[in-house]
């Protein structure tokens, strides 16, 4: 399925999810994020501010935990605008929203390319996507400019990208 059709399908799927489900899934994923990295080894984190209109996982609880439990961390928060300038700072961990993903951790975003441009500058970062299990699809067609994630966390699973050792 092409990206435009897949975006339409996933947008329709997410539109059917009620607020209570988003809250429940968000709580589960916030807990999973607490063990997604060795936060004592991390110096900087970049994370998004969830947009309820897009039915994104709300990571506010995790941000609060992270800044309270690890006040020494530099925490950057993504701008709400998809046309905002790309941050020039480097980060150790980046947590992104997604519209869809596959088991190989290929990420499908909303199509503006902001996260792909940002992630392309962050070779050293561990890239973690968060979403609902219902956002998983068989295949996300990956183009040369698309940046895969290292991990995708859902309310049910943790998907890890298999890196080649060649």
N, C-alpha and C. Protein backbone atom coordinates (compact mmCIF):
# COMPACT_ATOMS: atom_id res chain seq x y z
N UNK A 1 0.85 -1.18 0.00
CA UNK A 1 0.00 0.00 0.00
C UNK A 1 0.89 1.24 0.00
N UNK A 2 0.58 2.22 -0.82
CA UNK A 2 1.38 3.44 -0.86
C UNK A 2 1.17 4.25 0.42
N UNK A 3 2.09 5.19 0.67
CA UNK A 3 2.06 5.94 1.92
C UNK A 3 0.78 6.77 2.09
N UNK A 4 0.31 7.38 1.03
CA UNK A 4 -0.91 8.20 1.14
C UNK A 4 -2.10 7.35 1.56
N UNK A 5 -2.26 6.18 0.95
CA UNK A 5 -3.36 5.29 1.29
C UNK A 5 -3.21 4.76 2.72
N UNK A 6 -1.98 4.45 3.10
CA UNK A 6 -1.72 3.96 4.44
C UNK A 6 -2.01 5.05 5.48
N UNK A 7 -1.63 6.28 5.19
CA UNK A 7 -1.94 7.39 6.10
C UNK A 7 -3.45 7.54 6.27
N UNK A 8 -4.18 7.46 5.19
CA UNK A 8 -5.64 7.58 5.25
C UNK A 8 -6.23 6.46 6.10
N UNK A 9 -5.79 5.23 5.87
CA UNK A 9 -6.28 4.08 6.63
C UNK A 9 -5.99 4.24 8.13
N UNK A 10 -4.76 4.61 8.45
CA UNK A 10 -4.38 4.74 9.86
C UNK A 10 -5.06 5.92 10.54
N UNK A 11 -5.27 6.99 9.82
CA UNK A 11 -6.00 8.13 10.37
C UNK A 11 -7.42 7.73 10.72
N UNK A 12 -8.05 6.94 9.85
CA UNK A 12 -9.40 6.43 10.13
C UNK A 12 -9.41 5.50 11.33
N UNK A 13 -8.42 4.62 11.42
CA UNK A 13 -8.32 3.72 12.58
C UNK A 13 -8.24 4.52 13.88
N UNK A 14 -7.36 5.51 13.89
CA UNK A 14 -7.16 6.30 15.10
C UNK A 14 -8.39 7.13 15.46
N UNK A 15 -9.13 7.58 14.45
CA UNK A 15 -10.33 8.38 14.72
C UNK A 15 -11.37 7.58 15.50
N UNK A 16 -11.31 6.26 15.40
CA UNK A 16 -12.29 5.42 16.09
C UNK A 16 -11.90 5.13 17.55
N UNK A 17 -10.73 5.56 17.96
CA UNK A 17 -10.27 5.30 19.33
C UNK A 17 -10.81 6.37 20.27
N UNK A 18 -11.46 5.92 21.34
CA UNK A 18 -12.03 6.90 22.27
C UNK A 18 -10.96 7.42 23.25
N UNK A 19 -11.30 8.51 23.92
CA UNK A 19 -10.36 9.16 24.82
C UNK A 19 -9.89 8.24 25.94
N UNK A 20 -10.80 7.43 26.48
CA UNK A 20 -10.43 6.52 27.58
C UNK A 20 -9.35 5.54 27.14
N UNK A 21 -9.42 5.06 25.92
CA UNK A 21 -8.41 4.14 25.40
C UNK A 21 -7.06 4.85 25.26
N UNK A 22 -7.08 6.07 24.76
CA UNK A 22 -5.82 6.84 24.63
C UNK A 22 -5.20 7.03 26.01
N UNK A 23 -6.00 7.36 27.01
CA UNK A 23 -5.49 7.56 28.37
C UNK A 23 -4.89 6.26 28.90
N UNK A 24 -5.58 5.16 28.73
CA UNK A 24 -5.11 3.86 29.21
C UNK A 24 -3.81 3.44 28.53
N UNK A 25 -3.78 3.53 27.22
CA UNK A 25 -2.59 3.17 26.46
C UNK A 25 -1.43 4.09 26.84
N UNK A 26 -1.71 5.37 26.99
CA UNK A 26 -0.66 6.32 27.35
C UNK A 26 -0.04 5.97 28.69
N UNK A 27 -0.86 5.59 29.67
CA UNK A 27 -0.33 5.21 30.98
C UNK A 27 0.59 4.01 30.87
N UNK A 28 0.17 3.02 30.11
CA UNK A 28 1.00 1.82 29.93
C UNK A 28 2.32 2.16 29.24
N UNK A 29 2.26 2.95 28.19
CA UNK A 29 3.48 3.30 27.45
C UNK A 29 4.39 4.20 28.27
N UNK A 30 3.82 5.10 29.05
CA UNK A 30 4.63 5.94 29.93
C UNK A 30 5.45 5.07 30.89
N UNK A 31 4.85 4.02 31.41
CA UNK A 31 5.57 3.08 32.29
C UNK A 31 6.66 2.34 31.52
N UNK A 32 6.36 1.93 30.31
CA UNK A 32 7.35 1.22 29.50
C UNK A 32 8.54 2.11 29.15
N UNK A 33 8.28 3.40 28.95
CA UNK A 33 9.36 4.33 28.62
C UNK A 33 10.37 4.44 29.77
N UNK A 34 9.91 4.27 30.99
CA UNK A 34 10.80 4.39 32.15
C UNK A 34 11.92 3.36 32.13
N UNK A 35 11.69 2.24 31.46
CA UNK A 35 12.74 1.22 31.37
C UNK A 35 13.26 1.05 29.95
N UNK A 36 12.97 1.98 29.08
CA UNK A 36 13.39 1.88 27.67
C UNK A 36 14.85 2.25 27.45
N UNK A 37 15.45 2.90 28.44
CA UNK A 37 16.85 3.30 28.33
C UNK A 37 17.45 3.29 29.73
N UNK A 38 18.77 3.28 29.79
CA UNK A 38 19.46 3.43 31.07
C UNK A 38 19.57 4.94 31.31
N UNK A 39 18.57 5.49 31.97
CA UNK A 39 18.47 6.94 32.11
C UNK A 39 19.63 7.54 32.90
N UNK A 40 20.36 6.72 33.67
CA UNK A 40 21.53 7.22 34.39
C UNK A 40 22.70 7.48 33.43
N UNK A 41 22.67 6.83 32.26
CA UNK A 41 23.72 7.00 31.25
C UNK A 41 23.38 8.07 30.22
N UNK A 42 22.14 8.48 30.18
CA UNK A 42 21.65 9.44 29.18
C UNK A 42 21.89 10.87 29.68
N UNK A 43 22.33 11.72 28.78
CA UNK A 43 22.56 13.13 29.12
C UNK A 43 21.50 14.06 28.53
N UNK A 44 20.89 13.62 27.43
CA UNK A 44 19.92 14.52 26.78
C UNK A 44 18.83 13.70 26.09
N UNK A 45 17.63 14.25 26.14
CA UNK A 45 16.44 13.59 25.58
C UNK A 45 15.65 14.63 24.80
N UNK A 46 15.15 14.22 23.65
CA UNK A 46 14.23 15.04 22.87
C UNK A 46 12.92 14.28 22.79
N UNK A 47 11.82 14.96 23.09
CA UNK A 47 10.53 14.29 23.15
C UNK A 47 9.47 15.22 22.57
N UNK A 48 8.39 14.65 22.14
CA UNK A 48 7.31 15.43 21.53
C UNK A 48 6.25 15.80 22.57
N UNK A 49 5.49 16.81 22.25
CA UNK A 49 4.30 17.17 23.03
C UNK A 49 3.11 16.61 22.26
N UNK A 50 2.39 15.69 22.88
CA UNK A 50 1.31 14.98 22.18
C UNK A 50 0.20 15.92 21.72
N UNK A 51 -0.33 15.60 20.56
CA UNK A 51 -1.45 16.33 19.98
C UNK A 51 -2.69 15.45 20.06
N UNK A 52 -3.64 15.81 20.91
CA UNK A 52 -4.83 14.97 21.09
C UNK A 52 -5.64 14.87 19.80
N UNK A 53 -5.63 15.91 18.98
CA UNK A 53 -6.40 15.87 17.72
C UNK A 53 -5.87 14.78 16.78
N UNK A 54 -4.61 14.38 16.97
CA UNK A 54 -4.02 13.34 16.15
C UNK A 54 -4.05 11.99 16.86
N UNK A 55 -4.63 11.94 18.06
CA UNK A 55 -4.77 10.71 18.84
C UNK A 55 -3.40 10.11 19.20
N UNK A 56 -2.44 11.00 19.50
CA UNK A 56 -1.09 10.56 19.85
C UNK A 56 -1.03 10.10 21.30
N UNK A 57 -0.10 9.20 21.59
CA UNK A 57 0.16 8.78 22.96
C UNK A 57 0.60 10.01 23.75
N UNK A 58 -0.05 10.23 24.89
CA UNK A 58 0.28 11.38 25.74
C UNK A 58 1.45 11.01 26.64
N UNK A 59 2.60 11.63 26.43
CA UNK A 59 3.81 11.32 27.18
C UNK A 59 4.09 12.33 28.29
N UNK A 60 3.10 13.14 28.64
CA UNK A 60 3.27 14.15 29.67
C UNK A 60 3.71 13.53 31.00
N UNK A 61 3.09 12.42 31.38
CA UNK A 61 3.44 11.74 32.63
C UNK A 61 4.91 11.30 32.62
N UNK A 62 5.38 10.80 31.48
CA UNK A 62 6.78 10.39 31.37
C UNK A 62 7.70 11.59 31.47
N UNK A 63 7.37 12.68 30.82
CA UNK A 63 8.21 13.89 30.89
C UNK A 63 8.33 14.35 32.34
N UNK A 64 7.21 14.34 33.06
CA UNK A 64 7.22 14.75 34.47
C UNK A 64 8.12 13.82 35.28
N UNK A 65 7.97 12.51 35.07
CA UNK A 65 8.83 11.55 35.78
C UNK A 65 10.29 11.77 35.44
N UNK A 66 10.59 11.92 34.16
CA UNK A 66 11.97 12.06 33.71
C UNK A 66 12.63 13.31 34.31
N UNK A 67 11.94 14.43 34.29
CA UNK A 67 12.53 15.67 34.80
C UNK A 67 12.62 15.68 36.33
N UNK A 68 11.77 14.91 36.98
CA UNK A 68 11.82 14.81 38.45
C UNK A 68 12.88 13.80 38.88
N UNK A 69 12.88 12.62 38.27
CA UNK A 69 13.82 11.56 38.65
C UNK A 69 15.24 11.84 38.17
N UNK A 70 15.37 12.60 37.09
CA UNK A 70 16.69 12.87 36.49
C UNK A 70 16.81 14.34 36.12
N UNK A 71 16.83 15.21 37.12
CA UNK A 71 16.85 16.66 36.84
C UNK A 71 18.11 17.12 36.10
N UNK A 72 19.13 16.29 36.09
CA UNK A 72 20.38 16.65 35.40
C UNK A 72 20.27 16.51 33.89
N UNK A 73 19.24 15.83 33.40
CA UNK A 73 19.08 15.63 31.96
C UNK A 73 18.65 16.92 31.26
N UNK A 74 19.21 17.11 30.07
CA UNK A 74 18.72 18.17 29.20
C UNK A 74 17.54 17.57 28.43
N UNK A 75 16.37 18.20 28.56
CA UNK A 75 15.16 17.70 27.90
C UNK A 75 14.68 18.74 26.90
N UNK A 76 14.67 18.37 25.64
CA UNK A 76 14.13 19.23 24.59
C UNK A 76 12.74 18.73 24.21
N UNK A 77 11.84 19.64 23.95
CA UNK A 77 10.48 19.27 23.57
C UNK A 77 10.22 19.77 22.16
N UNK A 78 9.69 18.87 21.33
CA UNK A 78 9.45 19.19 19.93
C UNK A 78 8.43 20.32 19.80
N UNK A 79 8.65 21.19 18.84
CA UNK A 79 7.67 22.24 18.58
C UNK A 79 6.39 21.63 18.00
N UNK A 80 5.30 22.30 18.20
CA UNK A 80 4.02 21.80 17.70
C UNK A 80 3.93 22.00 16.19
N UNK A 81 4.60 22.97 15.66
CA UNK A 81 4.56 23.27 14.24
C UNK A 81 5.49 22.35 13.45
N UNK A 82 4.98 21.76 12.39
CA UNK A 82 5.80 20.90 11.54
C UNK A 82 6.70 21.70 10.60
N UNK A 83 6.58 23.01 10.62
CA UNK A 83 7.46 23.84 9.81
C UNK A 83 8.49 24.57 10.68
N UNK A 84 8.56 24.19 11.96
CA UNK A 84 9.52 24.80 12.88
C UNK A 84 10.94 24.43 12.45
N UNK A 85 11.91 25.26 12.81
CA UNK A 85 13.30 24.93 12.49
C UNK A 85 13.71 23.60 13.15
N UNK A 86 14.60 22.89 12.49
CA UNK A 86 15.11 21.62 13.03
C UNK A 86 16.15 21.96 14.10
N UNK A 87 16.03 21.38 15.30
CA UNK A 87 17.03 21.66 16.34
C UNK A 87 18.43 21.23 15.89
N UNK A 88 19.41 22.01 16.26
CA UNK A 88 20.78 21.69 15.87
C UNK A 88 21.52 20.90 16.95
N UNK A 89 20.99 20.87 18.17
CA UNK A 89 21.62 20.11 19.25
C UNK A 89 21.56 18.62 18.98
N UNK A 90 22.54 17.90 19.50
CA UNK A 90 22.52 16.44 19.43
C UNK A 90 21.89 15.87 20.69
N UNK A 91 21.20 14.76 20.56
CA UNK A 91 20.53 14.13 21.70
C UNK A 91 20.93 12.66 21.79
N UNK A 92 20.88 12.13 23.01
CA UNK A 92 21.18 10.72 23.25
C UNK A 92 19.97 9.84 22.95
N UNK A 93 18.78 10.32 23.32
CA UNK A 93 17.53 9.59 23.10
C UNK A 93 16.52 10.54 22.50
N UNK A 94 15.79 10.06 21.49
CA UNK A 94 14.72 10.83 20.87
C UNK A 94 13.46 9.98 20.90
N UNK A 95 12.39 10.55 21.42
CA UNK A 95 11.11 9.84 21.50
C UNK A 95 10.13 10.55 20.57
N UNK A 96 9.61 9.79 19.60
CA UNK A 96 8.77 10.39 18.56
C UNK A 96 7.37 9.78 18.53
N UNK A 97 6.42 10.58 18.07
CA UNK A 97 5.11 10.02 17.76
C UNK A 97 5.19 9.35 16.40
N UNK A 98 4.16 8.64 16.04
CA UNK A 98 4.11 8.05 14.71
C UNK A 98 2.66 7.83 14.31
N UNK A 99 2.44 7.75 13.04
CA UNK A 99 1.11 7.43 12.53
C UNK A 99 1.01 5.93 12.29
N UNK A 100 2.12 5.33 11.87
CA UNK A 100 2.16 3.89 11.65
C UNK A 100 3.58 3.39 11.73
N UNK A 101 3.72 2.06 11.84
CA UNK A 101 5.04 1.45 11.89
C UNK A 101 4.89 -0.02 11.50
N UNK A 102 6.03 -0.63 11.17
CA UNK A 102 6.03 -2.07 10.93
C UNK A 102 7.01 -2.73 11.91
N UNK A 103 7.06 -4.04 11.89
CA UNK A 103 7.89 -4.76 12.86
C UNK A 103 9.38 -4.52 12.67
N UNK A 104 9.78 -3.97 11.54
CA UNK A 104 11.18 -3.60 11.32
C UNK A 104 11.49 -2.19 11.81
N UNK A 105 10.53 -1.58 12.47
CA UNK A 105 10.66 -0.23 13.04
C UNK A 105 10.77 0.87 11.99
N UNK A 106 10.20 0.63 10.81
CA UNK A 106 10.06 1.71 9.84
C UNK A 106 8.88 2.54 10.31
N UNK A 107 9.08 3.84 10.35
CA UNK A 107 8.09 4.77 10.87
C UNK A 107 7.36 5.47 9.74
N UNK A 108 6.06 5.58 9.88
CA UNK A 108 5.25 6.39 8.97
C UNK A 108 4.76 7.58 9.77
N UNK A 109 5.14 8.77 9.32
CA UNK A 109 4.69 9.99 9.97
C UNK A 109 3.51 10.58 9.22
N UNK A 110 3.25 11.83 9.48
CA UNK A 110 2.11 12.51 8.87
C UNK A 110 2.41 13.06 7.49
N UNK A 111 3.67 12.96 7.05
CA UNK A 111 3.98 13.31 5.68
C UNK A 111 4.71 14.63 5.48
N UNK A 112 4.95 15.39 6.55
CA UNK A 112 5.64 16.66 6.39
C UNK A 112 7.15 16.49 6.36
N UNK A 113 7.67 15.38 6.89
CA UNK A 113 9.10 15.10 6.84
C UNK A 113 9.92 15.74 7.94
N UNK A 114 9.29 16.45 8.89
CA UNK A 114 10.03 17.14 9.94
C UNK A 114 10.88 16.15 10.74
N UNK A 115 10.27 15.07 11.21
CA UNK A 115 11.02 14.10 12.01
C UNK A 115 12.10 13.40 11.20
N UNK A 116 11.87 13.08 9.95
CA UNK A 116 12.92 12.47 9.13
C UNK A 116 14.12 13.40 8.99
N UNK A 117 13.87 14.68 8.77
CA UNK A 117 14.98 15.64 8.66
C UNK A 117 15.72 15.76 9.99
N UNK A 118 14.98 15.79 11.09
CA UNK A 118 15.60 15.89 12.41
C UNK A 118 16.38 14.61 12.74
N UNK A 119 15.76 13.45 12.56
CA UNK A 119 16.40 12.18 12.90
C UNK A 119 17.64 11.92 12.04
N UNK A 120 17.64 12.42 10.82
CA UNK A 120 18.79 12.23 9.94
C UNK A 120 20.04 12.90 10.50
N UNK A 121 19.86 13.90 11.33
CA UNK A 121 20.99 14.62 11.95
C UNK A 121 21.40 14.01 13.29
N UNK A 122 20.76 12.93 13.68
CA UNK A 122 20.94 12.37 15.02
C UNK A 122 21.44 10.92 14.97
N UNK A 123 22.54 10.69 14.26
CA UNK A 123 23.05 9.33 14.09
C UNK A 123 23.31 8.62 15.42
N UNK A 124 23.79 9.36 16.41
CA UNK A 124 24.20 8.77 17.67
C UNK A 124 23.01 8.47 18.60
N UNK A 125 21.86 9.02 18.32
CA UNK A 125 20.72 8.91 19.23
C UNK A 125 20.02 7.56 19.12
N UNK A 126 19.50 7.09 20.25
CA UNK A 126 18.56 5.97 20.26
C UNK A 126 17.20 6.56 19.93
N UNK A 127 16.58 6.05 18.90
CA UNK A 127 15.32 6.61 18.40
C UNK A 127 14.17 5.68 18.79
N UNK A 128 13.26 6.21 19.61
CA UNK A 128 12.15 5.42 20.14
C UNK A 128 10.84 6.02 19.65
N UNK A 129 10.03 5.21 19.02
CA UNK A 129 8.69 5.63 18.61
C UNK A 129 7.66 5.05 19.56
N UNK A 130 6.58 5.77 19.76
CA UNK A 130 5.50 5.26 20.60
C UNK A 130 4.18 5.38 19.86
N UNK A 131 3.35 4.36 20.01
CA UNK A 131 2.06 4.35 19.36
C UNK A 131 1.21 3.21 19.86
N UNK A 132 0.03 3.10 19.33
CA UNK A 132 -0.88 2.03 19.69
C UNK A 132 -0.58 0.82 18.82
N UNK A 133 -0.86 -0.35 19.37
CA UNK A 133 -0.64 -1.58 18.61
C UNK A 133 -1.42 -1.56 17.30
N UNK A 134 -2.59 -0.93 17.30
CA UNK A 134 -3.41 -0.87 16.09
C UNK A 134 -2.77 -0.05 14.97
N UNK A 135 -1.67 0.64 15.27
CA UNK A 135 -0.96 1.42 14.26
C UNK A 135 0.10 0.58 13.53
N UNK A 136 0.28 -0.66 13.98
CA UNK A 136 1.24 -1.55 13.32
C UNK A 136 0.62 -2.07 12.03
N UNK A 137 1.42 -2.05 10.97
CA UNK A 137 1.00 -2.56 9.67
C UNK A 137 2.04 -3.56 9.19
N UNK A 138 1.70 -4.32 8.17
CA UNK A 138 2.63 -5.32 7.66
C UNK A 138 3.92 -4.69 7.15
N UNK A 139 3.78 -3.65 6.34
CA UNK A 139 4.96 -3.03 5.73
C UNK A 139 4.76 -1.53 5.57
N UNK A 140 5.77 -0.78 5.98
CA UNK A 140 5.84 0.64 5.66
C UNK A 140 6.93 0.76 4.61
N UNK A 141 6.54 1.18 3.42
CA UNK A 141 7.53 1.33 2.35
C UNK A 141 8.53 2.41 2.75
N UNK A 142 9.78 2.04 2.78
CA UNK A 142 10.82 2.96 3.23
C UNK A 142 11.55 3.53 2.03
N UNK A 143 11.64 4.86 1.99
CA UNK A 143 12.37 5.55 0.93
C UNK A 143 13.73 5.98 1.47
N UNK A 144 14.60 6.44 0.61
CA UNK A 144 15.97 6.76 1.01
C UNK A 144 16.03 7.83 2.10
N UNK A 145 15.07 8.74 2.15
CA UNK A 145 15.10 9.81 3.14
C UNK A 145 14.43 9.42 4.46
N UNK A 146 13.79 8.25 4.51
CA UNK A 146 13.10 7.80 5.72
C UNK A 146 14.11 7.26 6.73
N UNK A 147 13.94 7.63 7.97
CA UNK A 147 14.81 7.18 9.05
C UNK A 147 14.05 6.18 9.92
N UNK A 148 14.61 5.00 10.04
CA UNK A 148 13.99 3.97 10.88
C UNK A 148 14.25 4.25 12.35
N UNK A 149 13.38 3.73 13.18
CA UNK A 149 13.54 3.84 14.62
C UNK A 149 14.32 2.63 15.13
N UNK A 150 14.87 2.77 16.33
CA UNK A 150 15.55 1.64 16.96
C UNK A 150 14.56 0.77 17.73
N UNK A 151 13.55 1.41 18.30
CA UNK A 151 12.55 0.73 19.12
C UNK A 151 11.20 1.38 18.86
N UNK A 152 10.14 0.58 18.85
CA UNK A 152 8.78 1.10 18.88
C UNK A 152 8.08 0.44 20.07
N UNK A 153 7.52 1.27 20.94
CA UNK A 153 6.78 0.78 22.10
C UNK A 153 5.29 0.98 21.88
N UNK A 154 4.54 -0.07 22.14
CA UNK A 154 3.07 0.01 22.14
C UNK A 154 2.59 -0.48 23.50
N UNK A 155 1.29 -0.48 23.68
CA UNK A 155 0.74 -0.97 24.94
C UNK A 155 0.94 -2.48 25.09
N UNK A 156 1.25 -3.17 24.00
CA UNK A 156 1.39 -4.63 24.05
C UNK A 156 2.81 -5.13 23.84
N UNK A 157 3.63 -4.41 23.09
CA UNK A 157 4.93 -4.95 22.68
C UNK A 157 6.00 -3.89 22.60
N UNK A 158 7.23 -4.39 22.53
CA UNK A 158 8.39 -3.55 22.22
C UNK A 158 9.03 -4.16 20.97
N UNK A 159 9.03 -3.41 19.90
CA UNK A 159 9.63 -3.87 18.64
C UNK A 159 11.02 -3.26 18.54
N UNK A 160 11.98 -4.08 18.18
CA UNK A 160 13.35 -3.59 18.05
C UNK A 160 13.85 -3.85 16.65
N UNK A 161 14.50 -2.83 16.10
CA UNK A 161 15.06 -2.95 14.76
C UNK A 161 16.28 -3.85 14.82
N UNK A 162 16.38 -4.74 13.87
CA UNK A 162 17.52 -5.62 13.78
C UNK A 162 18.56 -4.94 12.90
N UNK A 163 19.65 -4.54 13.51
CA UNK A 163 20.72 -3.87 12.76
C UNK A 163 21.65 -4.91 12.18
N UNK A 164 22.08 -4.66 10.95
CA UNK A 164 23.02 -5.59 10.32
C UNK A 164 24.41 -5.37 10.94
N UNK A 165 25.18 -6.42 10.98
CA UNK A 165 26.52 -6.35 11.58
C UNK A 165 27.61 -6.39 10.52
N UNK A 166 27.26 -6.11 9.29
CA UNK A 166 28.27 -6.17 8.22
C UNK A 166 29.08 -4.91 8.16
